[in-house]
C-alpha atoms as a PDB file:
ATOM      1  CA  MET A   1      10.147  -1.095  17.271  1.00  0.00           C
ATOM      2  CA  LYS A   2       7.870  -3.471  15.435  1.00  0.00           C
ATOM      3  CA  HIS A   3       7.163  -3.190  11.718  1.00  0.00           C
ATOM      4  CA  TYR A   4       4.183  -0.870  11.586  1.00  0.00           C
ATOM      5  CA  ALA A   5       4.621  -0.702   7.804  1.00  0.00           C
ATOM      6  CA  ARG A   6       2.992  -4.136   7.488  1.00  0.00           C
ATOM      7  CA  ILE A   7      -0.281  -2.275   7.100  1.00  0.00           C
ATOM      8  CA  GLY A   8      -0.693  -1.765   3.369  1.00  0.00           C
ATOM      9  CA  LEU A   9       0.164   1.663   1.972  1.00  0.00           C
ATOM     10  CA  GLY A  10      -0.886   2.766  -1.475  1.00  0.00           C
ATOM     11  CA  ALA A  11      -1.965   5.655  -3.644  1.00  0.00           C
ATOM     12  CA  ALA A  12      -5.058   6.183  -1.473  1.00  0.00           C
ATOM     13  CA  ILE A  13      -2.873   7.251   1.444  1.00  0.00           C
ATOM     14  CA  LEU A  14      -1.108   9.801  -0.745  1.00  0.00           C
ATOM     15  CA  LEU A  15      -4.514  11.205  -1.725  1.00  0.00           C
ATOM     16  CA  ALA A  16      -5.577  11.314   1.904  1.00  0.00           C
ATOM     17  CA  LEU A  17      -2.364  13.022   2.930  1.00  0.00           C
ATOM     18  CA  LEU A  18      -2.693  15.535   0.117  1.00  0.00           C
ATOM     19  CA  CYS A  19      -6.308  16.310   0.936  1.00  0.00           C
ATOM     20  CA  SER A  20      -5.612  16.613   4.644  1.00  0.00           C
ATOM     21  CA  CYS A  21      -2.911  19.195   3.968  1.00  0.00           C
ATOM     22  CA  LEU A  22      -5.097  21.448   1.826  1.00  0.00           C
ATOM     23  CA  ALA A  23      -6.118  24.784   3.285  1.00  0.00           C
ATOM     24  CA  PRO A  24      -9.654  24.905   4.759  1.00  0.00           C
ATOM     25  CA  ALA A  25     -12.411  26.735   2.951  1.00  0.00           C
ATOM     26  CA  ARG A  26     -12.905  30.448   3.751  1.00  0.00           C
ATOM     27  CA  ALA A  27     -15.693  31.304   6.167  1.00  0.00           C
ATOM     28  CA  ASP A  28     -17.507  33.259   3.484  1.00  0.00           C
ATOM     29  CA  GLN A  29     -17.676  30.319   1.098  1.00  0.00           C
ATOM     30  CA  ILE A  30     -20.524  28.535   2.852  1.00  0.00           C
ATOM     31  CA  VAL A  31     -22.915  29.072   5.726  1.00  0.00           C
ATOM     32  CA  ASP A  32     -21.664  26.580   8.279  1.00  0.00           C
ATOM     33  CA  ARG A  33     -23.102  24.975  11.383  1.00  0.00           C
ATOM     34  CA  VAL A  34     -21.753  22.776  14.147  1.00  0.00           C
ATOM     35  CA  ILE A  35     -23.004  19.204  13.823  1.00  0.00           C
ATOM     36  CA  ALA A  36     -20.869  17.538  16.542  1.00  0.00           C
ATOM     37  CA  THR A  37     -18.155  18.137  19.118  1.00  0.00           C
ATOM     38  CA  VAL A  38     -15.287  15.920  20.252  1.00  0.00           C
ATOM     39  CA  ASP A  39     -13.810  16.885  23.621  1.00  0.00           C
ATOM     40  CA  GLY A  40     -15.237  20.353  23.029  1.00  0.00           C
ATOM     41  CA  ASP A  41     -13.754  20.776  19.547  1.00  0.00           C
ATOM     42  CA  PRO A  42     -16.490  21.518  16.969  1.00  0.00           C
ATOM     43  CA  ILE A  43     -17.131  19.545  13.781  1.00  0.00           C
ATOM     44  CA  THR A  44     -19.016  21.589  11.187  1.00  0.00           C
ATOM     45  CA  MET A  45     -21.016  20.571   8.134  1.00  0.00           C
ATOM     46  CA  GLN A  46     -18.192  21.939   5.995  1.00  0.00           C
ATOM     47  CA  ASP A  47     -15.750  19.676   7.880  1.00  0.00           C
ATOM     48  CA  LEU A  48     -18.014  16.744   7.056  1.00  0.00           C
ATOM     49  CA  ARG A  49     -18.185  17.659   3.371  1.00  0.00           C
ATOM     50  CA  ARG A  50     -14.399  18.018   3.101  1.00  0.00           C
ATOM     51  CA  TYR A  51     -13.904  14.703   4.896  1.00  0.00           C
ATOM     52  CA  ALA A  52     -16.398  12.964   2.605  1.00  0.00           C
ATOM     53  CA  ALA A  53     -14.758  14.421  -0.514  1.00  0.00           C
ATOM     54  CA  ALA A  54     -11.279  13.363   0.641  1.00  0.00           C
ATOM     55  CA  SER A  55     -12.505   9.796   1.211  1.00  0.00           C
ATOM     56  CA  GLY A  56     -14.320   9.610  -2.140  1.00  0.00           C
ATOM     57  CA  THR A  57     -17.851   9.758  -0.673  1.00  0.00           C
ATOM     58  CA  THR A  58     -20.634  11.933  -2.055  1.00  0.00           C
ATOM     59  CA  LEU A  59     -22.959  13.348   0.590  1.00  0.00           C
ATOM     60  CA  PRO A  60     -26.663  13.555  -0.323  1.00  0.00           C
ATOM     61  CA  ALA A  61     -27.883  17.106  -0.923  1.00  0.00           C
ATOM     62  CA  ASP A  62     -31.425  16.650   0.442  1.00  0.00           C
ATOM     63  CA  ASP A  63     -32.613  16.199   4.023  1.00  0.00           C
ATOM     64  CA  SER A  64     -34.714  13.059   3.640  1.00  0.00           C
ATOM     65  CA  PRO A  65     -34.490  10.472   6.445  1.00  0.00           C
ATOM     66  CA  GLN A  66     -32.361   8.215   4.218  1.00  0.00           C
ATOM     67  CA  SER A  67     -29.996  11.090   3.402  1.00  0.00           C
ATOM     68  CA  GLN A  68     -29.675  12.064   7.042  1.00  0.00           C
ATOM     69  CA  GLU A  69     -28.796   8.497   7.936  1.00  0.00           C
ATOM     70  CA  ALA A  70     -26.126   8.430   5.221  1.00  0.00           C
ATOM     71  CA  LYS A  71     -24.656  11.659   6.603  1.00  0.00           C
ATOM     72  CA  ARG A  72     -24.636  10.245  10.131  1.00  0.00           C
ATOM     73  CA  LYS A  73     -22.629   7.230   8.978  1.00  0.00           C
ATOM     74  CA  VAL A  74     -19.985   9.487   7.434  1.00  0.00           C
ATOM     75  CA  LEU A  75     -20.061  11.710  10.517  1.00  0.00           C
ATOM     76  CA  GLN A  76     -19.412   8.688  12.734  1.00  0.00           C
ATOM     77  CA  LYS A  77     -16.284   7.889  10.733  1.00  0.00           C
ATOM     78  CA  LEU A  78     -15.118  11.499  11.071  1.00  0.00           C
ATOM     79  CA  ILE A  79     -15.775  11.395  14.821  1.00  0.00           C
ATOM     80  CA  ASP A  80     -13.730   8.211  15.035  1.00  0.00           C
ATOM     81  CA  GLU A  81     -10.885  10.000  13.242  1.00  0.00           C
ATOM     82  CA  LYS A  82     -11.114  12.969  15.624  1.00  0.00           C
ATOM     83  CA  VAL A  83     -11.146  10.731  18.692  1.00  0.00           C
ATOM     84  CA  MET A  84      -8.091   8.896  17.404  1.00  0.00           C
ATOM     85  CA  ASP A  85      -6.396  12.226  16.668  1.00  0.00           C
ATOM     86  CA  HIS A  86      -6.886  13.229  20.278  1.00  0.00           C
ATOM     87  CA  GLU A  87      -5.743   9.852  21.572  1.00  0.00           C
ATOM     88  CA  MET A  88      -2.649   9.491  19.433  1.00  0.00           C
ATOM     89  CA  SER A  89      -1.370  13.000  20.073  1.00  0.00           C
ATOM     90  CA  THR A  90       0.411  11.629  23.152  1.00  0.00           C
ATOM     91  CA  ILE A  91       2.307   8.913  21.242  1.00  0.00           C
ATOM     92  CA  PRO A  92       5.990   9.890  20.800  1.00  0.00           C
ATOM     93  CA  VAL A  93       7.443   9.570  17.292  1.00  0.00           C
ATOM     94  CA  GLU A  94      11.094   9.950  16.360  1.00  0.00           C
ATOM     95  CA  GLU A  95      12.264  11.693  13.191  1.00  0.00           C
ATOM     96  CA  GLU A  96      13.808   8.487  11.833  1.00  0.00           C
ATOM     97  CA  GLN A  97      10.408   6.783  12.107  1.00  0.00           C
ATOM     98  CA  VAL A  98       8.892   9.492   9.918  1.00  0.00           C
ATOM     99  CA  ASP A  99      11.818   9.147   7.489  1.00  0.00           C
ATOM    100  CA  ARG A 100      11.246   5.395   7.314  1.00  0.00           C
ATOM    101  CA  PHE A 101       7.493   5.802   6.776  1.00  0.00           C
ATOM    102  CA  ILE A 102       8.031   8.201   3.857  1.00  0.00           C
ATOM    103  CA  ALA A 103      10.765   6.012   2.360  1.00  0.00           C
ATOM    104  CA  GLN A 104       8.551   2.920   2.564  1.00  0.00           C
ATOM    105  CA  PHE A 105       5.662   4.844   1.029  1.00  0.00           C
ATOM    106  CA  GLU A 106       7.850   5.962  -1.865  1.00  0.00           C
ATOM    107  CA  ALA A 107       9.187   2.433  -2.424  1.00  0.00           C
ATOM    108  CA  GLY A 108       5.708   0.920  -2.286  1.00  0.00           C
ATOM    109  CA  ASN A 109       4.450   3.353  -4.915  1.00  0.00           C
ATOM    110  CA  HIS A 110       7.617   3.218  -7.041  1.00  0.00           C
ATOM    111  CA  ILE A 111       8.350   6.924  -6.812  1.00  0.00           C
ATOM    112  CA  THR A 112      11.501   8.770  -5.842  1.00  0.00           C
ATOM    113  CA  ASP A 113      11.736  11.426  -3.154  1.00  0.00           C
ATOM    114  CA  GLU A 114      12.081  14.032  -5.905  1.00  0.00           C
ATOM    115  CA  GLU A 115       8.893  12.781  -7.589  1.00  0.00           C
ATOM    116  CA  LEU A 116       6.983  12.898  -4.307  1.00  0.00           C
ATOM    117  CA  ARG A 117       8.109  16.474  -3.669  1.00  0.00           C
ATOM    118  CA  ALA A 118       7.087  17.401  -7.222  1.00  0.00           C
ATOM    119  CA  GLN A 119       3.596  15.937  -6.697  1.00  0.00           C
ATOM    120  CA  LEU A 120       3.228  17.886  -3.469  1.00  0.00           C
ATOM    121  CA  ALA A 121       4.350  21.090  -5.175  1.00  0.00           C
ATOM    122  CA  GLN A 122       1.784  20.548  -7.947  1.00  0.00           C
ATOM    123  CA  HIS A 123      -0.921  20.546  -5.264  1.00  0.00           C
ATOM    124  CA  GLY A 124       0.534  23.611  -3.544  1.00  0.00           C
ATOM    125  CA  ILE A 125       1.562  21.632  -0.457  1.00  0.00           C
ATOM    126  CA  SER A 126       4.859  22.183   1.303  1.00  0.00           C
ATOM    127  CA  TYR A 127       7.042  19.222   2.210  1.00  0.00           C
ATOM    128  CA  ASP A 128       6.933  20.310   5.857  1.00  0.00           C
ATOM    129  CA  ALA A 129       3.120  20.135   5.837  1.00  0.00           C
ATOM    130  CA  TYR A 130       3.265  16.688   4.256  1.00  0.00           C
ATOM    131  CA  ARG A 131       5.825  15.573   6.807  1.00  0.00           C
ATOM    132  CA  LYS A 132       3.628  16.708   9.687  1.00  0.00           C
ATOM    133  CA  ARG A 133       0.789  14.637   8.297  1.00  0.00           C
ATOM    134  CA  ALA A 134       3.109  11.678   7.790  1.00  0.00           C
ATOM    135  CA  ARG A 135       4.040  11.957  11.476  1.00  0.00           C
ATOM    136  CA  ARG A 136       0.368  11.691  12.386  1.00  0.00           C
ATOM    137  CA  GLU A 137       0.025   8.616  10.164  1.00  0.00           C
ATOM    138  CA  VAL A 138       2.939   6.994  12.008  1.00  0.00           C
ATOM    139  CA  GLN A 139       1.254   7.800  15.321  1.00  0.00           C
ATOM    140  CA  LYS A 140      -1.965   6.246  14.048  1.00  0.00           C
ATOM    141  CA  LEU A 141      -0.214   3.093  12.849  1.00  0.00           C
ATOM    142  CA  LEU A 142       1.600   2.732  16.170  1.00  0.00           C
ATOM    143  CA  MET A 143      -1.655   3.174  18.066  1.00  0.00           C
ATOM    144  CA  ILE A 144      -3.472   0.619  15.906  1.00  0.00           C
ATOM    145  CA  GLN A 145      -0.589  -1.819  16.323  1.00  0.00           C
ATOM    146  CA  ARG A 146      -0.571  -1.373  20.087  1.00  0.00           C
ATOM    147  CA  GLN A 147      -4.314  -1.599  20.597  1.00  0.00           C
ATOM    148  CA  VAL A 148      -5.406  -3.926  17.794  1.00  0.00           C
ATOM    149  CA  GLN A 149      -2.830  -5.529  15.508  1.00  0.00           C
ATOM    150  CA  ASP A 150      -0.689  -7.128  18.198  1.00  0.00           C
ATOM    151  CA  LYS A 151      -3.773  -8.899  19.590  1.00  0.00           C
ATOM    152  CA  ILE A 152      -4.761 -10.601  16.334  1.00  0.00           C
ATOM    153  CA  VAL A 153      -4.271 -14.361  16.109  1.00  0.00           C
ATOM    154  CA  ILE A 154      -4.964 -16.363  12.942  1.00  0.00           C
ATOM    155  CA  THR A 155      -5.108 -20.120  13.546  1.00  0.00           C
ATOM    156  CA  GLU A 156      -4.250 -22.872  11.099  1.00  0.00           C
ATOM    157  CA  SER A 157      -7.809 -24.195  11.294  1.00  0.00           C
ATOM    158  CA  GLN A 158      -9.158 -20.783  10.229  1.00  0.00           C
ATOM    159  CA  ILE A 159      -6.846 -20.734   7.216  1.00  0.00           C
ATOM    160  CA  GLN A 160      -7.851 -24.260   6.201  1.00  0.00           C
ATOM    161  CA  ALA A 161     -11.557 -23.515   6.618  1.00  0.00           C
ATOM    162  CA  TYR A 162     -11.279 -20.388   4.452  1.00  0.00           C
ATOM    163  CA  TYR A 163      -9.382 -22.304   1.781  1.00  0.00           C
ATOM    164  CA  LYS A 164     -12.007 -25.085   1.626  1.00  0.00           C
ATOM    165  CA  SER A 165     -14.899 -22.629   1.399  1.00  0.00           C
ATOM    166  CA  HIS A 166     -13.253 -20.465  -1.295  1.00  0.00           C
ATOM    167  CA  LEU A 167     -11.747 -23.057  -3.645  1.00  0.00           C
ATOM    168  CA  ALA A 168     -13.148 -21.224  -6.674  1.00  0.00           C
ATOM    169  CA  ASP A 169     -11.006 -18.213  -5.780  1.00  0.00           C
ATOM    170  CA  PHE A 170      -7.886 -20.391  -5.986  1.00  0.00           C
ATOM    171  CA  THR A 171      -8.693 -22.162  -9.245  1.00  0.00           C
ATOM    172  CA  ALA A 172      -6.952 -21.100 -12.477  1.00  0.00           C
ATOM    173  CA  SER A 173      -8.083 -22.141 -15.950  1.00  0.00           C
ATOM    174  CA  GLU A 174      -4.554 -21.903 -17.401  1.00  0.00           C
ATOM    175  CA  GLU A 175      -0.939 -21.549 -16.367  1.00  0.00           C
ATOM    176  CA  ARG A 176       0.155 -17.951 -15.827  1.00  0.00           C
ATOM    177  CA  PHE A 177       3.208 -16.127 -14.508  1.00  0.00           C
ATOM    178  CA  ARG A 178       3.271 -12.697 -12.897  1.00  0.00           C
ATOM    179  CA  LEU A 179       6.737 -11.321 -13.498  1.00  0.00           C
ATOM    180  CA  ALA A 180       9.007  -8.428 -12.628  1.00  0.00           C
ATOM    181  CA  GLN A 181      12.381  -7.782 -14.205  1.00  0.00           C
ATOM    182  CA  ILE A 182      15.567  -5.780 -14.119  1.00  0.00           C
ATOM    183  CA  LEU A 183      17.125  -5.281 -17.565  1.00  0.00           C
ATOM    184  CA  ILE A 184      20.723  -4.273 -18.101  1.00  0.00           C
ATOM    185  CA  ALA A 185      20.440  -3.255 -21.740  1.00  0.00           C
ATOM    186  CA  VAL A 186      23.183  -4.015 -24.255  1.00  0.00           C
ATOM    187  CA  ASP A 187      23.350  -5.362 -27.804  1.00  0.00           C
ATOM    188  CA  PRO A 188      25.232  -8.669 -27.382  1.00  0.00           C
ATOM    189  CA  VAL A 189      26.050  -8.763 -31.092  1.00  0.00           C
ATOM    190  CA  ALA A 190      26.942  -5.191 -32.012  1.00  0.00           C
ATOM    191  CA  ALA A 191      28.482  -3.995 -28.737  1.00  0.00           C
ATOM    192  CA  PRO A 192      32.240  -4.530 -28.105  1.00  0.00           C
ATOM    193  CA  PRO A 193      32.976  -7.646 -26.019  1.00  0.00           C
ATOM    194  CA  ALA A 194      34.240  -5.528 -23.121  1.00  0.00           C
ATOM    195  CA  VAL A 195      30.951  -3.616 -23.009  1.00  0.00           C
ATOM    196  CA  VAL A 196      28.935  -6.836 -23.086  1.00  0.00           C
ATOM    197  CA  GLU A 197      30.982  -8.333 -20.240  1.00  0.00           C
ATOM    198  CA  ALA A 198      30.619  -5.150 -18.198  1.00  0.00           C
ATOM    199  CA  ALA A 199      26.836  -5.356 -18.621  1.00  0.00           C
ATOM    200  CA  ARG A 200      26.859  -9.029 -17.598  1.00  0.00           C
ATOM    201  CA  ALA A 201      28.946  -8.244 -14.513  1.00  0.00           C
ATOM    202  CA  LYS A 202      26.567  -5.450 -13.556  1.00  0.00           C
ATOM    203  CA  ALA A 203      23.589  -7.804 -13.920  1.00  0.00           C
ATOM    204  CA  GLU A 204      25.285 -10.470 -11.783  1.00  0.00           C
ATOM    205  CA  ALA A 205      26.032  -7.904  -9.080  1.00  0.00           C
ATOM    206  CA  VAL A 206      22.424  -6.672  -9.035  1.00  0.00           C
ATOM    207  CA  ARG A 207      21.133 -10.267  -8.885  1.00  0.00           C
ATOM    208  CA  LYS A 208      23.349 -10.997  -5.884  1.00  0.00           C
ATOM    209  CA  ARG A 209      21.811  -8.047  -4.074  1.00  0.00           C
ATOM    210  CA  ALA A 210      18.318  -9.329  -4.874  1.00  0.00           C
ATOM    211  CA  LEU A 211      19.220 -12.794  -3.566  1.00  0.00           C
ATOM    212  CA  LYS A 212      20.553 -11.245  -0.360  1.00  0.00           C
ATOM    213  CA  GLY A 213      17.165  -9.671   0.257  1.00  0.00           C
ATOM    214  CA  ASP A 214      17.441  -6.177  -1.195  1.00  0.00           C
ATOM    215  CA  ASN A 215      14.052  -4.868  -2.324  1.00  0.00           C
ATOM    216  CA  PHE A 216      13.589  -5.955  -5.948  1.00  0.00           C
ATOM    217  CA  ALA A 217      11.397  -2.965  -6.839  1.00  0.00           C
ATOM    218  CA  GLU A 218      14.001  -0.546  -5.494  1.00  0.00           C
ATOM    219  CA  LEU A 219      16.760  -2.328  -7.427  1.00  0.00           C
ATOM    220  CA  ALA A 220      14.673  -2.140 -10.601  1.00  0.00           C
ATOM    221  CA  ALA A 221      13.972   1.557 -10.103  1.00  0.00           C
ATOM    222  CA  ARG A 222      17.686   2.229  -9.660  1.00  0.00           C
ATOM    223  CA  TYR A 223      19.380  -0.102 -12.129  1.00  0.00           C
ATOM    224  CA  SER A 224      16.934  -1.315 -14.786  1.00  0.00           C
ATOM    225  CA  ASP A 225      17.060   0.078 -18.323  1.00  0.00           C
ATOM    226  CA  ASP A 226      13.513  -1.100 -19.067  1.00  0.00           C
ATOM    227  CA  ASP A 227      10.480   1.211 -18.987  1.00  0.00           C
ATOM    228  CA  SER A 228       9.038  -1.012 -16.246  1.00  0.00           C
ATOM    229  CA  LYS A 229      11.522   0.526 -13.796  1.00  0.00           C
ATOM    230  CA  THR A 230       8.929   3.200 -12.976  1.00  0.00           C
ATOM    231  CA  GLN A 231       6.662   0.386 -11.738  1.00  0.00           C
ATOM    232  CA  GLY A 232       9.362  -1.335  -9.725  1.00  0.00           C
ATOM    233  CA  GLY A 233      10.048  -3.718 -12.618  1.00  0.00           C
ATOM    234  CA  GLU A 234       6.490  -5.089 -12.622  1.00  0.00           C
ATOM    235  CA  LEU A 235       5.517  -6.567 -15.991  1.00  0.00           C
ATOM    236  CA  GLY A 236       2.135  -8.152 -15.232  1.00  0.00           C
ATOM    237  CA  TYR A 237       0.714 -11.589 -16.114  1.00  0.00           C
ATOM    238  CA  PHE A 238       1.840 -13.804 -18.992  1.00  0.00           C
ATOM    239  CA  LYS A 239       0.903 -17.187 -20.395  1.00  0.00           C
ATOM    240  CA  PRO A 240       3.900 -19.419 -21.180  1.00  0.00           C
ATOM    241  CA  ASP A 241       3.443 -18.919 -24.933  1.00  0.00           C
ATOM    242  CA  ASP A 242       3.791 -15.157 -24.475  1.00  0.00           C
ATOM    243  CA  ILE A 243       7.190 -15.317 -22.786  1.00  0.00           C
ATOM    244  CA  ASN A 244      10.572 -15.130 -24.531  1.00  0.00           C
ATOM    245  CA  GLU A 245      11.977 -18.656 -24.909  1.00  0.00           C
ATOM    246  CA  GLN A 246      15.217 -17.972 -23.025  1.00  0.00           C
ATOM    247  CA  ILE A 247      13.329 -16.352 -20.160  1.00  0.00           C
ATOM    248  CA  LEU A 248      10.687 -19.097 -20.017  1.00  0.00           C
ATOM    249  CA  ALA A 249      13.381 -21.761 -19.814  1.00  0.00           C
ATOM    250  CA  ALA A 250      14.955 -19.948 -16.865  1.00  0.00           C
ATOM    251  CA  ILE A 251      11.764 -19.349 -14.854  1.00  0.00           C
ATOM    252  CA  SER A 252       9.546 -22.349 -15.638  1.00  0.00           C
ATOM    253  CA  LYS A 253      10.611 -24.252 -12.504  1.00  0.00           C
ATOM    254  CA  LEU A 254      10.769 -21.251 -10.171  1.00  0.00           C
ATOM    255  CA  LYS A 255       8.344 -20.754  -7.308  1.00  0.00           C
ATOM    256  CA  ALA A 256       6.680 -17.485  -6.345  1.00  0.00           C
ATOM    257  CA  GLY A 257       9.221 -15.090  -4.870  1.00  0.00           C
ATOM    258  CA  GLN A 258      12.263 -16.678  -6.507  1.00  0.00           C
ATOM    259  CA  VAL A 259      14.697 -14.827  -8.781  1.00  0.00           C
ATOM    260  CA  SER A 260      16.088 -16.235 -12.029  1.00  0.00           C
ATOM    261  CA  PRO A 261      19.736 -16.508 -13.014  1.00  0.00           C
ATOM    262  CA  VAL A 262      20.977 -13.731 -15.273  1.00  0.00           C
ATOM    263  CA  ILE A 263      19.377 -14.357 -18.692  1.00  0.00           C
ATOM    264  CA  LYS A 264      20.969 -13.195 -21.943  1.00  0.00           C
ATOM    265  CA  THR A 265      18.660 -12.131 -24.790  1.00  0.00           C
ATOM    266  CA  SER A 266      18.940  -9.813 -27.776  1.00  0.00           C
ATOM    267  CA  HIS A 267      17.953  -6.941 -25.454  1.00  0.00           C
ATOM    268  CA  GLY A 268      20.729  -7.507 -22.926  1.00  0.00           C
ATOM    269  CA  PHE A 269      20.819  -9.229 -19.542  1.00  0.00           C
ATOM    270  CA  HIS A 270      17.629  -9.858 -17.545  1.00  0.00           C
ATOM    271  CA  ILE A 271      17.061 -10.685 -13.892  1.00  0.00           C
ATOM    272  CA  VAL A 272      13.477 -11.924 -13.597  1.00  0.00           C
ATOM    273  CA  LYS A 273      11.481 -12.339 -10.410  1.00  0.00           C
ATOM    274  CA  VAL A 274       8.488 -14.682 -10.373  1.00  0.00           C
ATOM    275  CA  GLU A 275       5.855 -12.847  -8.349  1.00  0.00           C
ATOM    276  CA  GLU A 276       3.258 -15.577  -8.940  1.00  0.00           C
ATOM    277  CA  HIS A 277       3.237 -18.882 -10.787  1.00  0.00           C
ATOM    278  CA  GLN A 278      -0.295 -20.122 -11.269  1.00  0.00           C
ATOM    279  CA  GLN A 279      -0.731 -23.688 -12.481  1.00  0.00           C
ATOM    280  CA  ALA A 280      -3.961 -24.730 -14.179  1.00  0.00           C
ATOM    281  CA  GLY A 281      -6.359 -26.220 -11.641  1.00  0.00           C
ATOM    282  CA  VAL A 282      -6.730 -25.655  -7.921  1.00  0.00           C
ATOM    283  CA  ARG A 283      -3.715 -24.019  -6.310  1.00  0.00           C
ATOM    284  CA  PRO A 284      -2.366 -25.994  -3.330  1.00  0.00           C
ATOM    285  CA  LEU A 285      -3.015 -24.584   0.120  1.00  0.00           C
ATOM    286  CA  ALA A 286       0.717 -24.162   0.626  1.00  0.00           C
ATOM    287  CA  ASP A 287       0.846 -21.730  -2.305  1.00  0.00           C
ATOM    288  CA  VAL A 288      -1.917 -19.484  -0.985  1.00  0.00           C
ATOM    289  CA  HIS A 289      -1.413 -19.973   2.742  1.00  0.00           C
ATOM    290  CA  GLU A 290       0.197 -16.570   3.283  1.00  0.00           C
ATOM    291  CA  LEU A 291      -2.372 -14.786   1.118  1.00  0.00           C
ATOM    292  CA  ILE A 292      -5.191 -16.268   3.198  1.00  0.00           C
ATOM    293  CA  ARG A 293      -3.435 -15.417   6.446  1.00  0.00           C
ATOM    294  CA  GLN A 294      -3.068 -11.799   5.361  1.00  0.00           C
ATOM    295  CA  LYS A 295      -6.687 -11.567   4.213  1.00  0.00           C
ATOM    296  CA  LEU A 296      -8.038 -13.039   7.453  1.00  0.00           C
ATOM    297  CA  GLY A 297      -5.694 -10.832   9.441  1.00  0.00           C
ATOM    298  CA  GLN A 298      -6.968  -7.727   7.657  1.00  0.00           C
ATOM    299  CA  GLN A 299     -10.588  -8.748   8.237  1.00  0.00           C
ATOM    300  CA  GLN A 300      -9.962  -9.458  11.894  1.00  0.00           C
ATOM    301  CA  MET A 301      -8.018  -6.238  12.343  1.00  0.00           C
ATOM    302  CA  GLU A 302     -10.858  -4.162  10.898  1.00  0.00           C
ATOM    303  CA  ALA A 303     -13.389  -5.857  13.176  1.00  0.00           C
ATOM    304  CA  GLN A 304     -11.164  -5.535  16.237  1.00  0.00           C
ATOM    305  CA  PHE A 305     -10.416  -1.918  15.447  1.00  0.00           C
ATOM    306  CA  ARG A 306     -14.097  -1.025  15.135  1.00  0.00           C
ATOM    307  CA  HIS A 307     -14.829  -2.827  18.420  1.00  0.00           C
ATOM    308  CA  TRP A 308     -11.987  -1.020  20.185  1.00  0.00           C
ATOM    309  CA  VAL A 309     -13.053   2.408  18.947  1.00  0.00           C
ATOM    310  CA  ASN A 310     -16.731   1.895  19.761  1.00  0.00           C
ATOM    311  CA  THR A 311     -16.386   0.198  23.150  1.00  0.00           C
ATOM    312  CA  GLU A 312     -13.059   1.266  24.652  1.00  0.00           C
ATOM    313  CA  LEU A 313     -11.679   4.414  23.083  1.00  0.00           C
ATOM    314  CA  ILE A 314     -14.925   6.356  22.888  1.00  0.00           C
ATOM    315  CA  LYS A 315     -15.496   5.989  26.643  1.00  0.00           C
ATOM    316  CA  ASP A 316     -12.501   8.210  27.390  1.00  0.00           C
ATOM    317  CA  HIS A 317     -13.753  11.119  25.276  1.00  0.00           C
ATOM    318  CA  SER A 318     -16.730  13.481  25.310  1.00  0.00           C
ATOM    319  CA  VAL A 319     -18.732  13.297  22.071  1.00  0.00           C
ATOM    320  CA  GLN A 320     -21.909  15.211  21.229  1.00  0.00           C
ATOM    321  CA  THR A 321     -23.798  15.023  17.923  1.00  0.00           C
ATOM    322  CA  TYR A 322     -26.473  17.376  16.575  1.00  0.00           C
ATOM    323  CA  LEU A 323     -27.173  15.895  13.134  1.00  0.00           C
END
């Protein structure tokens, strides 16, 4: 199976999954009315309000022509979701695919399985309910990949044209590093030599795993003694003058994505990953080539997806609107 996880996952998906698992409002809470149907299934005004709230949209309270138009736009998005729900219900998903989706989500958001379960419990959502929704997300990703993502082609000329027309976006006023680290903490002076050597050996072993391709954020979450472990080791941006001298000497020649040798400081042994290395001036196309490709791919995917839903998918389903 292809890597459906290439589509970015973040905290917004967790919010969507949480909201989608919440119990519906009681019938006596609001006078409801049907505003659309998809293959005979009704969509009510309360459905629209819950969908808008879950997606961070505030529906207008009045019935002016402008407000009605705003509601119709949100309704169209909800109809699209319903049509996709109907379409993707036939896509088979194996349990290990759901496991992998959840594991990748946790890694991408730097949380453990225990922390995810705790967040769900705080919202009164069972893990089984979350897992059912995760299964539907996998089905959706597989459907989008099959119908849209696999048909996207980004040419070299498109990348070059975007770069030339957006040079300001790739111009830095000063040199900066974006860093992540794994710290094996030890006091090199006060600790017994055997303890110091054990810490060094542990750092070397972790670095070897990073060089072999193990996920750096996961390694940081598991092995680092620094507070940044909860963020996958991410430290943020630094100017050269703000970086420890030993660390700067080890990373100054590294390119984005490369990992430093084990670095000894007064805090212990560091393994530092250079996430970005911005030089003052215009960044070369080679340095931003992949970023541009991903951005253009996302733009094209969104356009292709909207075209597919509106011209192909919708034809196979019965939709009526009354708003």
